[in-house]
Amino acid sequence: MKKICIALAMASFMTACNNEAKDPVEKADSTNEAKQDSMPKAVQTDEETTDFLVKAANGGMAEVNAGKMAESKATNAGVKRFASMMVNDHTGANSQVMALAAARGVTLPASVSEEKQKAAADLDKKTGKDFDKDYMDMQVKDHKETINLFEKGLDNSKDAEVKTFINNTLPKLKQHLDSAQAVQKMLK
């Protein structure tokens, strides 16, 4: 019996250690899947909505982090203004995503994905005009991806309140993309 208890304790410990090493977004996805499996169908949040909220939180946190970095590292005034707008606007959107997720019992990532962390670390190595250019290139790319995520969320989510959030946020994201492209063009 003692051997069985030790084996179970070791298995639990190994599982816990394995979960700690996971990418924050993957960890949130796993937690949400486990929650969904244990909830009655009537109270479950649809998978598309859960997936949207997790990805929106990841992207939003990355935008704020990169924006704060650019506020301090950028040399171009237009890049600094854009970065400040990203921090302000995405902080507000992140608060809304957190509220929507909390109301639905959706677990969000505690930090950005490993992919976003690596992109931020690579950007942080840049200085001067190289930093400004790479930050704006990243912003154009990321906003195109985010707009795509939000449009798919609008099409696929079955949650009316989440769809309202998406409808209200999409115009601002498109404005961000237009602004990012204008600043990017100015840097060339």
C-alpha atoms as a PDB file:
ATOM      1  CA  MET A   1       0.000   0.000   0.000  1.00  0.00           C
ATOM      2  CA  LYS A   2       2.832   2.355   0.884  1.00  0.00           C
ATOM      3  CA  LYS A   3       4.381   1.786  -2.570  1.00  0.00           C
ATOM      4  CA  ILE A   4       1.094   2.658  -4.267  1.00  0.00           C
ATOM      5  CA  CYS A   5       0.809   5.905  -2.275  1.00  0.00           C
ATOM      6  CA  ILE A   6       4.384   6.829  -3.148  1.00  0.00           C
ATOM      7  CA  ALA A   7       3.755   6.041  -6.817  1.00  0.00           C
ATOM      8  CA  LEU A   8       0.597   8.180  -6.836  1.00  0.00           C
ATOM      9  CA  ALA A   9       2.396  11.029  -5.094  1.00  0.00           C
ATOM     10  CA  MET A  10       5.229  10.862  -7.639  1.00  0.00           C
ATOM     11  CA  ALA A  11       2.772  10.799 -10.538  1.00  0.00           C
ATOM     12  CA  SER A  12       0.971  13.856  -9.134  1.00  0.00           C
ATOM     13  CA  PHE A  13       4.268  15.647  -8.609  1.00  0.00           C
ATOM     14  CA  MET A  14       5.430  14.864 -12.151  1.00  0.00           C
ATOM     15  CA  THR A  15       2.118  16.073 -13.576  1.00  0.00           C
ATOM     16  CA  ALA A  16       2.352  19.296 -11.574  1.00  0.00           C
ATOM     17  CA  CYS A  17       5.931  19.862 -12.695  1.00  0.00           C
ATOM     18  CA  ASN A  18       4.966  19.183 -16.287  1.00  0.00           C
ATOM     19  CA  ASN A  19       2.119  21.731 -16.097  1.00  0.00           C
ATOM     20  CA  GLU A  20       4.486  24.430 -14.807  1.00  0.00           C
ATOM     21  CA  ALA A  21       6.671  24.123 -17.900  1.00  0.00           C
ATOM     22  CA  LYS A  22       3.782  24.623 -20.336  1.00  0.00           C
ATOM     23  CA  ASP A  23       3.328  27.710 -22.425  1.00  0.00           C
ATOM     24  CA  PRO A  24       0.890  30.022 -20.557  1.00  0.00           C
ATOM     25  CA  VAL A  25      -1.647  29.899 -23.397  1.00  0.00           C
ATOM     26  CA  GLU A  26      -1.458  26.093 -23.611  1.00  0.00           C
ATOM     27  CA  LYS A  27      -1.898  25.881 -19.840  1.00  0.00           C
ATOM     28  CA  ALA A  28      -5.021  28.087 -20.012  1.00  0.00           C
ATOM     29  CA  ASP A  29      -6.380  25.956 -22.871  1.00  0.00           C
ATOM     30  CA  SER A  30      -5.836  22.746 -20.864  1.00  0.00           C
ATOM     31  CA  THR A  31      -7.498  24.224 -17.786  1.00  0.00           C
ATOM     32  CA  ASN A  32     -10.485  25.380 -19.840  1.00  0.00           C
ATOM     33  CA  GLU A  33     -10.860  21.964 -21.493  1.00  0.00           C
ATOM     34  CA  ALA A  34     -10.875  20.280 -18.081  1.00  0.00           C
ATOM     35  CA  LYS A  35     -13.492  22.772 -16.823  1.00  0.00           C
ATOM     36  CA  GLN A  36     -15.678  22.203 -19.879  1.00  0.00           C
ATOM     37  CA  ASP A  37     -15.529  18.442 -19.429  1.00  0.00           C
ATOM     38  CA  SER A  38     -16.765  18.751 -15.836  1.00  0.00           C
ATOM     39  CA  MET A  39     -19.548  21.311 -16.443  1.00  0.00           C
ATOM     40  CA  PRO A  40     -23.134  20.540 -17.449  1.00  0.00           C
ATOM     41  CA  LYS A  41     -23.761  21.376 -21.112  1.00  0.00           C
ATOM     42  CA  ALA A  42     -26.297  24.060 -20.175  1.00  0.00           C
ATOM     43  CA  VAL A  43     -23.678  26.251 -18.474  1.00  0.00           C
ATOM     44  CA  GLN A  44     -20.683  25.590 -20.730  1.00  0.00           C
ATOM     45  CA  THR A  45     -19.145  28.411 -22.729  1.00  0.00           C
ATOM     46  CA  ASP A  46     -18.776  27.342 -26.344  1.00  0.00           C
ATOM     47  CA  GLU A  47     -15.277  26.307 -27.382  1.00  0.00           C
ATOM     48  CA  GLU A  48     -14.997  29.062 -29.992  1.00  0.00           C
ATOM     49  CA  THR A  49     -15.733  31.766 -27.415  1.00  0.00           C
ATOM     50  CA  THR A  50     -13.276  30.279 -24.922  1.00  0.00           C
ATOM     51  CA  ASP A  51     -10.584  30.049 -27.603  1.00  0.00           C
ATOM     52  CA  PHE A  52     -11.246  33.626 -28.705  1.00  0.00           C
ATOM     53  CA  LEU A  53     -10.990  35.004 -25.157  1.00  0.00           C
ATOM     54  CA  VAL A  54      -7.705  33.172 -24.487  1.00  0.00           C
ATOM     55  CA  LYS A  55      -6.148  34.357 -27.757  1.00  0.00           C
ATOM     56  CA  ALA A  56      -7.464  37.909 -27.341  1.00  0.00           C
ATOM     57  CA  ALA A  57      -5.979  38.078 -23.838  1.00  0.00           C
ATOM     58  CA  ASN A  58      -2.630  36.786 -25.088  1.00  0.00           C
ATOM     59  CA  GLY A  59      -2.512  39.318 -27.916  1.00  0.00           C
ATOM     60  CA  GLY A  60      -3.705  42.160 -25.720  1.00  0.00           C
ATOM     61  CA  MET A  61      -1.102  41.510 -23.037  1.00  0.00           C
ATOM     62  CA  ALA A  62       1.601  41.340 -25.715  1.00  0.00           C
ATOM     63  CA  GLU A  63       0.454  44.692 -27.144  1.00  0.00           C
ATOM     64  CA  VAL A  64       0.664  46.387 -23.753  1.00  0.00           C
ATOM     65  CA  ASN A  65       4.091  44.888 -23.026  1.00  0.00           C
ATOM     66  CA  ALA A  66       5.500  45.877 -26.428  1.00  0.00           C
ATOM     67  CA  GLY A  67       3.909  49.317 -26.150  1.00  0.00           C
ATOM     68  CA  LYS A  68       5.537  49.961 -22.784  1.00  0.00           C
ATOM     69  CA  MET A  69       8.876  48.868 -24.213  1.00  0.00           C
ATOM     70  CA  ALA A  70       8.430  51.213 -27.184  1.00  0.00           C
ATOM     71  CA  GLU A  71       7.414  54.122 -24.959  1.00  0.00           C
ATOM     72  CA  SER A  72      10.844  53.947 -23.358  1.00  0.00           C
ATOM     73  CA  LYS A  73      13.034  52.714 -26.244  1.00  0.00           C
ATOM     74  CA  ALA A  74      11.623  54.360 -29.372  1.00  0.00           C
ATOM     75  CA  THR A  75      13.500  57.329 -30.798  1.00  0.00           C
ATOM     76  CA  ASN A  76      10.814  58.556 -33.195  1.00  0.00           C
ATOM     77  CA  ALA A  77       8.046  60.732 -31.707  1.00  0.00           C
ATOM     78  CA  GLY A  78       5.400  59.105 -33.929  1.00  0.00           C
ATOM     79  CA  VAL A  79       6.412  55.652 -32.731  1.00  0.00           C
ATOM     80  CA  LYS A  80       6.253  56.827 -29.107  1.00  0.00           C
ATOM     81  CA  ARG A  81       2.751  58.296 -29.634  1.00  0.00           C
ATOM     82  CA  PHE A  82       1.593  55.083 -31.288  1.00  0.00           C
ATOM     83  CA  ALA A  83       3.057  53.000 -28.444  1.00  0.00           C
ATOM     84  CA  SER A  84       1.257  55.131 -25.865  1.00  0.00           C
ATOM     85  CA  MET A  85      -2.017  54.650 -27.726  1.00  0.00           C
ATOM     86  CA  MET A  86      -1.416  50.870 -27.728  1.00  0.00           C
ATOM     87  CA  VAL A  87      -0.830  50.801 -23.977  1.00  0.00           C
ATOM     88  CA  ASN A  88      -3.959  52.869 -23.257  1.00  0.00           C
ATOM     89  CA  ASP A  89      -6.329  51.198 -25.716  1.00  0.00           C
ATOM     90  CA  HIS A  90      -5.211  47.619 -25.140  1.00  0.00           C
ATOM     91  CA  THR A  91      -5.212  48.018 -21.354  1.00  0.00           C
ATOM     92  CA  GLY A  92      -8.881  48.963 -21.627  1.00  0.00           C
ATOM     93  CA  ALA A  93      -9.683  46.109 -23.996  1.00  0.00           C
ATOM     94  CA  ASN A  94      -7.790  43.673 -21.758  1.00  0.00           C
ATOM     95  CA  SER A  95      -9.979  44.692 -18.817  1.00  0.00           C
ATOM     96  CA  GLN A  96     -13.068  43.916 -20.875  1.00  0.00           C
ATOM     97  CA  VAL A  97     -11.672  40.531 -21.963  1.00  0.00           C
ATOM     98  CA  MET A  98     -10.892  39.673 -18.327  1.00  0.00           C
ATOM     99  CA  ALA A  99     -14.421  40.604 -17.245  1.00  0.00           C
ATOM    100  CA  LEU A 100     -15.996  38.554 -20.046  1.00  0.00           C
ATOM    101  CA  ALA A 101     -13.783  35.570 -19.216  1.00  0.00           C
ATOM    102  CA  ALA A 102     -14.467  35.792 -15.475  1.00  0.00           C
ATOM    103  CA  ALA A 103     -18.229  35.893 -16.047  1.00  0.00           C
ATOM    104  CA  ARG A 104     -17.951  32.712 -18.116  1.00  0.00           C
ATOM    105  CA  GLY A 105     -15.490  30.843 -15.921  1.00  0.00           C
ATOM    106  CA  VAL A 106     -12.821  30.962 -18.629  1.00  0.00           C
ATOM    107  CA  THR A 107      -9.218  30.796 -17.444  1.00  0.00           C
ATOM    108  CA  LEU A 108      -6.938  33.258 -19.217  1.00  0.00           C
ATOM    109  CA  PRO A 109      -3.166  32.894 -19.566  1.00  0.00           C
ATOM    110  CA  ALA A 110      -1.203  34.385 -16.677  1.00  0.00           C
ATOM    111  CA  SER A 111       1.356  35.804 -19.107  1.00  0.00           C
ATOM    112  CA  VAL A 112       1.957  35.961 -22.842  1.00  0.00           C
ATOM    113  CA  SER A 113       2.765  32.883 -24.899  1.00  0.00           C
ATOM    114  CA  GLU A 114       6.323  31.713 -25.402  1.00  0.00           C
ATOM    115  CA  GLU A 115       6.079  32.882 -29.023  1.00  0.00           C
ATOM    116  CA  LYS A 116       5.146  36.423 -27.945  1.00  0.00           C
ATOM    117  CA  GLN A 117       7.821  36.381 -25.212  1.00  0.00           C
ATOM    118  CA  LYS A 118      10.467  35.472 -27.790  1.00  0.00           C
ATOM    119  CA  ALA A 119       9.293  38.201 -30.174  1.00  0.00           C
ATOM    120  CA  ALA A 120       9.485  40.753 -27.338  1.00  0.00           C
ATOM    121  CA  ALA A 121      12.964  39.560 -26.328  1.00  0.00           C
ATOM    122  CA  ASP A 122      14.150  39.861 -29.936  1.00  0.00           C
ATOM    123  CA  LEU A 123      12.669  43.357 -30.187  1.00  0.00           C
ATOM    124  CA  ASP A 124      14.270  44.403 -26.902  1.00  0.00           C
ATOM    125  CA  LYS A 125      17.715  43.692 -28.382  1.00  0.00           C
ATOM    126  CA  LYS A 126      17.162  46.428 -30.987  1.00  0.00           C
ATOM    127  CA  THR A 127      17.975  50.097 -30.526  1.00  0.00           C
ATOM    128  CA  GLY A 128      17.382  53.393 -32.292  1.00  0.00           C
ATOM    129  CA  LYS A 129      15.911  53.361 -35.778  1.00  0.00           C
ATOM    130  CA  ASP A 130      16.171  49.557 -35.940  1.00  0.00           C
ATOM    131  CA  PHE A 131      13.949  49.304 -32.859  1.00  0.00           C
ATOM    132  CA  ASP A 132      11.436  51.797 -34.275  1.00  0.00           C
ATOM    133  CA  LYS A 133      11.222  49.969 -37.605  1.00  0.00           C
ATOM    134  CA  ASP A 134      10.953  46.493 -36.083  1.00  0.00           C
ATOM    135  CA  TYR A 135       8.350  47.618 -33.537  1.00  0.00           C
ATOM    136  CA  MET A 136       6.162  49.138 -36.249  1.00  0.00           C
ATOM    137  CA  ASP A 137       6.621  46.098 -38.509  1.00  0.00           C
ATOM    138  CA  MET A 138       5.506  43.938 -35.579  1.00  0.00           C
ATOM    139  CA  GLN A 139       2.500  46.189 -34.960  1.00  0.00           C
ATOM    140  CA  VAL A 140       1.306  45.961 -38.560  1.00  0.00           C
ATOM    141  CA  LYS A 141       1.681  42.169 -38.554  1.00  0.00           C
ATOM    142  CA  ASP A 142       0.085  41.727 -35.131  1.00  0.00           C
ATOM    143  CA  HIS A 143      -2.869  43.988 -35.886  1.00  0.00           C
ATOM    144  CA  LYS A 144      -3.608  42.119 -39.119  1.00  0.00           C
ATOM    145  CA  GLU A 145      -3.593  38.869 -37.115  1.00  0.00           C
ATOM    146  CA  THR A 146      -5.732  40.387 -34.353  1.00  0.00           C
ATOM    147  CA  ILE A 147      -8.313  41.720 -36.805  1.00  0.00           C
ATOM    148  CA  ASN A 148      -8.482  38.246 -38.344  1.00  0.00           C
ATOM    149  CA  LEU A 149      -8.943  36.704 -34.863  1.00  0.00           C
ATOM    150  CA  PHE A 150     -11.737  39.149 -34.023  1.00  0.00           C
ATOM    151  CA  GLU A 151     -13.511  38.618 -37.365  1.00  0.00           C
ATOM    152  CA  LYS A 152     -13.388  34.844 -36.859  1.00  0.00           C
ATOM    153  CA  GLY A 153     -14.608  35.338 -33.292  1.00  0.00           C
ATOM    154  CA  LEU A 154     -17.532  37.336 -34.611  1.00  0.00           C
ATOM    155  CA  ASP A 155     -18.395  34.558 -37.063  1.00  0.00           C
ATOM    156  CA  ASN A 156     -17.869  31.626 -34.683  1.00  0.00           C
ATOM    157  CA  SER A 157     -18.781  32.711 -31.152  1.00  0.00           C
ATOM    158  CA  LYS A 158     -22.253  31.850 -29.949  1.00  0.00           C
ATOM    159  CA  ASP A 159     -22.091  34.383 -27.093  1.00  0.00           C
ATOM    160  CA  ALA A 160     -24.007  37.617 -27.761  1.00  0.00           C
ATOM    161  CA  GLU A 161     -22.083  39.675 -25.178  1.00  0.00           C
ATOM    162  CA  VAL A 162     -18.721  38.569 -26.589  1.00  0.00           C
ATOM    163  CA  LYS A 163     -19.944  39.396 -30.101  1.00  0.00           C
ATOM    164  CA  THR A 164     -20.935  42.877 -28.899  1.00  0.00           C
ATOM    165  CA  PHE A 165     -17.436  43.353 -27.470  1.00  0.00           C
ATOM    166  CA  ILE A 166     -15.934  42.217 -30.788  1.00  0.00           C
ATOM    167  CA  ASN A 167     -18.207  44.544 -32.794  1.00  0.00           C
ATOM    168  CA  ASN A 168     -17.269  47.468 -30.564  1.00  0.00           C
ATOM    169  CA  THR A 169     -13.535  46.697 -30.651  1.00  0.00           C
ATOM    170  CA  LEU A 170     -12.995  45.863 -34.336  1.00  0.00           C
ATOM    171  CA  PRO A 171     -13.214  49.482 -35.582  1.00  0.00           C
ATOM    172  CA  LYS A 172     -10.549  50.521 -33.047  1.00  0.00           C
ATOM    173  CA  LEU A 173      -8.284  47.640 -34.153  1.00  0.00           C
ATOM    174  CA  LYS A 174      -8.683  48.694 -37.783  1.00  0.00           C
ATOM    175  CA  GLN A 175      -7.834  52.265 -36.784  1.00  0.00           C
ATOM    176  CA  HIS A 176      -4.720  50.918 -35.026  1.00  0.00           C
ATOM    177  CA  LEU A 177      -3.706  49.075 -38.193  1.00  0.00           C
ATOM    178  CA  ASP A 178      -4.165  52.217 -40.306  1.00  0.00           C
ATOM    179  CA  SER A 179      -2.121  54.243 -37.816  1.00  0.00           C
ATOM    180  CA  ALA A 180       0.594  51.580 -37.642  1.00  0.00           C
ATOM    181  CA  GLN A 181       0.870  51.489 -41.425  1.00  0.00           C
ATOM    182  CA  ALA A 182       1.096  55.296 -41.579  1.00  0.00           C
ATOM    183  CA  VAL A 183       3.881  55.402 -38.974  1.00  0.00           C
ATOM    184  CA  GLN A 184       5.616  52.462 -40.652  1.00  0.00           C
ATOM    185  CA  LYS A 185       5.510  54.306 -43.995  1.00  0.00           C
ATOM    186  CA  MET A 186       6.880  57.462 -42.368  1.00  0.00           C
ATOM    187  CA  LEU A 187       9.924  55.505 -41.130  1.00  0.00           C
ATOM    188  CA  LYS A 188      10.947  54.355 -44.624  1.00  0.00           C
END
